[in-house]
């Protein structure tokens, strides 16, 4: 059994704030990808709804993810969220099949 943590974060931009939110989300990309325990961090924008972003994350463990959440860079991002984010949802995923 693995301790790997996998989840998606769906983020909806405030009206008129799509460009600013996109810039903020993309600014985290390399920092998070280089964080200890980050296995995958990809950002998608929904086709047909440019105000919706989906982040797909894989971490070695919950502890690694929590350590990332405590960094000053991520805390600053969260602090600014109300300016750009209308709504968000986090879904933790459980793998039920594996590639061979």
Protein backbone atom coordinates (compact mmCIF):
# COMPACT_ATOMS: atom_id res chain seq x y z
CA UNK A 1 0.00 0.00 0.00
CA UNK A 2 1.23 3.48 -0.85
CA UNK A 3 0.99 6.74 1.06
CA UNK A 4 0.72 8.66 -2.22
CA UNK A 5 -1.75 11.53 -2.13
CA UNK A 6 -3.63 12.40 -5.32
CA UNK A 7 -6.22 15.10 -5.73
CA UNK A 8 -7.72 17.72 -8.00
CA UNK A 9 -8.42 21.32 -7.16
CA UNK A 10 -11.05 23.09 -9.24
CA UNK A 11 -10.77 26.87 -9.07
CA UNK A 12 -13.30 29.32 -10.50
CA UNK A 13 -12.11 32.86 -11.16
CA UNK A 14 -14.05 35.93 -10.10
CA UNK A 15 -15.68 37.82 -12.94
CA UNK A 16 -13.07 39.89 -14.75
CA UNK A 17 -10.18 38.22 -12.89
CA UNK A 18 -9.39 35.28 -15.19
CA UNK A 19 -6.06 36.65 -16.43
CA UNK A 20 -4.90 37.57 -12.94
CA UNK A 21 -5.84 34.17 -11.50
CA UNK A 22 -4.21 32.34 -14.40
CA UNK A 23 -1.01 34.30 -13.82
CA UNK A 24 -1.05 33.56 -10.08
CA UNK A 25 -1.71 29.85 -10.57
CA UNK A 26 1.02 29.54 -13.21
CA UNK A 27 3.47 31.43 -10.98
CA UNK A 28 3.29 28.53 -8.50
CA UNK A 29 4.02 25.85 -11.08
CA UNK A 30 7.81 25.54 -10.94
CA UNK A 31 8.02 26.24 -7.21
CA UNK A 32 5.60 23.42 -6.40
CA UNK A 33 7.07 21.01 -8.95
CA UNK A 34 10.45 21.44 -7.26
CA UNK A 35 8.99 20.94 -3.77
CA UNK A 36 10.07 17.87 -1.85
CA UNK A 37 7.66 15.02 -2.46
CA UNK A 38 5.86 16.51 -5.46
CA UNK A 39 5.40 13.77 -8.06
CA UNK A 40 3.12 15.66 -10.45
CA UNK A 41 1.57 19.12 -10.59
CA UNK A 42 -0.36 20.00 -13.75
CA UNK A 43 -2.70 22.91 -14.42
CA UNK A 44 -5.58 22.75 -16.90
CA UNK A 45 -8.09 25.32 -18.11
CA UNK A 46 -11.57 24.06 -18.95
CA UNK A 47 -12.44 24.21 -22.64
CA UNK A 48 -15.33 26.58 -23.20
CA UNK A 49 -15.05 28.08 -19.70
CA UNK A 50 -11.87 30.06 -19.37
CA UNK A 51 -12.78 30.99 -15.79
CA UNK A 52 -12.35 27.38 -14.60
CA UNK A 53 -8.93 25.93 -13.75
CA UNK A 54 -8.22 22.39 -12.61
CA UNK A 55 -5.01 21.45 -10.84
CA UNK A 56 -4.00 17.77 -10.78
CA UNK A 57 -1.56 16.96 -7.97
CA UNK A 58 0.34 13.85 -6.87
CA UNK A 59 2.46 13.82 -3.73
CA UNK A 60 4.62 11.12 -2.13
CA UNK A 61 2.61 11.50 1.08
CA UNK A 62 0.18 13.74 2.93
CA UNK A 63 3.12 15.00 5.01
CA UNK A 64 4.89 16.27 1.86
CA UNK A 65 1.75 18.06 0.70
CA UNK A 66 1.18 19.61 4.12
CA UNK A 67 4.80 20.81 4.21
CA UNK A 68 4.23 22.53 0.86
CA UNK A 69 1.07 24.18 2.18
CA UNK A 70 3.15 25.72 4.99
CA UNK A 71 5.67 27.43 2.71
CA UNK A 72 5.66 31.22 2.58
CA UNK A 73 5.10 31.14 -1.19
CA UNK A 74 1.95 29.06 -0.89
CA UNK A 75 0.67 31.00 2.13
CA UNK A 76 1.02 34.23 0.14
CA UNK A 77 -0.97 32.68 -2.71
CA UNK A 78 -3.75 31.64 -0.33
CA UNK A 79 -3.82 35.08 1.23
CA UNK A 80 -4.43 36.67 -2.17
CA UNK A 81 -7.08 34.12 -3.22
CA UNK A 82 -10.14 36.21 -2.27
CA UNK A 83 -9.13 38.82 -4.85
CA UNK A 84 -9.24 36.34 -7.74
CA UNK A 85 -11.15 33.22 -6.68
CA UNK A 86 -14.94 32.99 -6.69
CA UNK A 87 -15.05 29.34 -5.62
CA UNK A 88 -12.87 26.24 -5.34
CA UNK A 89 -13.24 22.55 -4.59
CA UNK A 90 -10.65 19.99 -3.54
CA UNK A 91 -11.25 16.30 -4.28
CA UNK A 92 -8.95 13.60 -2.97
CA UNK A 93 -8.71 10.65 -5.32
CA UNK A 94 -8.15 6.96 -4.74
CA UNK A 95 -6.46 4.93 -7.46
CA UNK A 96 -8.40 1.84 -8.48
CA UNK A 97 -6.32 0.72 -11.48
CA UNK A 98 -2.68 0.77 -12.46
CA UNK A 99 -0.85 1.01 -15.78
CA UNK A 100 1.26 -1.96 -16.69
